[in-house]
């Protein structure tokens, strides 16, 4: 599933192209990676 498959972002991708969709989704990707790293650290600490 690509970034532009998300319903809300797909309209942005249609209008501005894939680069804009990637730019919009970048903060969410970063947040997901940070949350995953924090969860991994928490599990290792236990």
N, C-alpha and C. Protein backbone atom coordinates (compact mmCIF):
# COMPACT_ATOMS: atom_id res chain seq x y z
N UNK A 1 0.85 -1.18 0.00
CA UNK A 1 0.00 0.00 0.00
C UNK A 1 0.88 1.23 0.00
N UNK A 2 0.68 2.07 -0.95
CA UNK A 2 1.47 3.29 -1.06
C UNK A 2 0.85 4.44 -0.30
N UNK A 3 1.60 5.50 -0.23
CA UNK A 3 1.15 6.69 0.46
C UNK A 3 -0.12 7.24 -0.19
N UNK A 4 -0.15 7.22 -1.50
CA UNK A 4 -1.28 7.81 -2.21
C UNK A 4 -2.51 6.92 -2.23
N UNK A 5 -2.45 5.74 -1.58
CA UNK A 5 -3.62 4.88 -1.48
C UNK A 5 -4.52 5.28 -0.32
N UNK A 6 -4.03 6.11 0.60
CA UNK A 6 -4.84 6.59 1.72
C UNK A 6 -5.87 7.56 1.16
N UNK A 7 -7.16 7.38 1.52
CA UNK A 7 -8.22 8.18 0.88
C UNK A 7 -8.01 9.69 0.92
N UNK A 8 -7.64 10.25 2.06
CA UNK A 8 -7.50 11.70 2.16
C UNK A 8 -6.30 12.18 1.36
N UNK A 9 -5.20 11.43 1.44
CA UNK A 9 -3.97 11.84 0.76
C UNK A 9 -4.07 11.60 -0.74
N UNK A 10 -4.92 10.68 -1.16
CA UNK A 10 -5.01 10.37 -2.59
C UNK A 10 -5.46 11.58 -3.40
N UNK A 11 -6.31 12.42 -2.84
CA UNK A 11 -6.72 13.62 -3.58
C UNK A 11 -5.56 14.58 -3.74
N UNK A 12 -4.72 14.69 -2.71
CA UNK A 12 -3.53 15.54 -2.81
C UNK A 12 -2.59 14.99 -3.87
N UNK A 13 -2.44 13.68 -3.89
CA UNK A 13 -1.56 13.05 -4.89
C UNK A 13 -2.09 13.29 -6.30
N UNK A 14 -3.40 13.21 -6.46
CA UNK A 14 -3.98 13.44 -7.79
C UNK A 14 -3.74 14.87 -8.25
N UNK A 15 -3.83 15.81 -7.33
CA UNK A 15 -3.68 17.22 -7.70
C UNK A 15 -2.21 17.58 -7.89
N UNK A 16 -1.38 17.23 -6.92
CA UNK A 16 0.00 17.73 -6.92
C UNK A 16 1.04 16.67 -7.26
N UNK A 17 0.68 15.42 -7.30
CA UNK A 17 1.63 14.37 -7.63
C UNK A 17 2.14 13.64 -6.40
N UNK A 18 2.93 12.61 -6.64
CA UNK A 18 3.43 11.76 -5.56
C UNK A 18 4.38 12.48 -4.63
N UNK A 19 5.13 13.44 -5.11
CA UNK A 19 6.09 14.15 -4.25
C UNK A 19 5.37 14.89 -3.13
N UNK A 20 4.25 15.51 -3.44
CA UNK A 20 3.49 16.22 -2.41
C UNK A 20 2.91 15.24 -1.41
N UNK A 21 2.45 14.10 -1.88
CA UNK A 21 1.91 13.08 -0.97
C UNK A 21 2.98 12.57 -0.03
N UNK A 22 4.18 12.36 -0.54
CA UNK A 22 5.28 11.91 0.31
C UNK A 22 5.66 12.98 1.32
N UNK A 23 5.61 14.23 0.91
CA UNK A 23 5.94 15.33 1.81
C UNK A 23 4.93 15.44 2.94
N UNK A 24 3.66 15.23 2.64
CA UNK A 24 2.62 15.30 3.66
C UNK A 24 2.72 14.12 4.62
N UNK A 25 3.04 12.94 4.11
CA UNK A 25 3.07 11.76 4.96
C UNK A 25 4.36 11.59 5.74
N UNK A 26 5.40 12.35 5.42
CA UNK A 26 6.70 12.20 6.08
C UNK A 26 6.62 12.36 7.60
N UNK A 27 5.93 13.37 8.13
CA UNK A 27 5.85 13.48 9.60
C UNK A 27 5.17 12.28 10.24
N UNK A 28 4.18 11.70 9.56
CA UNK A 28 3.50 10.54 10.12
C UNK A 28 4.40 9.32 10.11
N UNK A 29 5.20 9.17 9.06
CA UNK A 29 6.17 8.08 9.01
C UNK A 29 7.19 8.22 10.14
N UNK A 30 7.66 9.44 10.36
CA UNK A 30 8.62 9.69 11.43
C UNK A 30 8.01 9.36 12.79
N UNK A 31 6.77 9.78 13.00
CA UNK A 31 6.09 9.52 14.26
C UNK A 31 5.92 8.02 14.49
N UNK A 32 5.55 7.28 13.46
CA UNK A 32 5.39 5.84 13.59
C UNK A 32 6.71 5.16 13.93
N UNK A 33 7.80 5.59 13.30
CA UNK A 33 9.10 5.01 13.60
C UNK A 33 9.53 5.33 15.02
N UNK A 34 9.27 6.55 15.47
CA UNK A 34 9.64 6.94 16.83
C UNK A 34 8.84 6.15 17.85
N UNK A 35 7.56 5.95 17.60
CA UNK A 35 6.73 5.18 18.54
C UNK A 35 7.18 3.72 18.57
N UNK A 36 7.54 3.18 17.42
CA UNK A 36 8.04 1.80 17.38
C UNK A 36 9.34 1.65 18.14
N UNK A 37 10.23 2.62 18.00
CA UNK A 37 11.50 2.58 18.73
C UNK A 37 11.27 2.70 20.23
N UNK A 38 10.35 3.56 20.63
CA UNK A 38 10.05 3.73 22.05
C UNK A 38 9.45 2.46 22.63
N UNK A 39 8.57 1.81 21.89
CA UNK A 39 7.97 0.56 22.36
C UNK A 39 9.04 -0.52 22.48
N UNK A 40 9.94 -0.60 21.51
CA UNK A 40 11.03 -1.57 21.59
C UNK A 40 11.93 -1.33 22.78
N UNK A 41 12.23 -0.08 23.06
CA UNK A 41 13.06 0.26 24.21
C UNK A 41 12.35 -0.12 25.50
N UNK A 42 11.05 0.13 25.57
CA UNK A 42 10.28 -0.19 26.77
C UNK A 42 10.26 -1.70 27.01
N UNK A 43 10.08 -2.47 25.97
CA UNK A 43 10.05 -3.93 26.11
C UNK A 43 11.42 -4.45 26.54
N UNK A 44 12.49 -3.90 25.97
CA UNK A 44 13.84 -4.32 26.36
C UNK A 44 14.14 -3.95 27.81
N UNK A 45 13.60 -2.83 28.26
CA UNK A 45 13.85 -2.39 29.64
C UNK A 45 13.18 -3.32 30.64
N UNK A 46 12.08 -3.94 30.25
CA UNK A 46 11.37 -4.85 31.14
C UNK A 46 12.06 -6.19 31.08
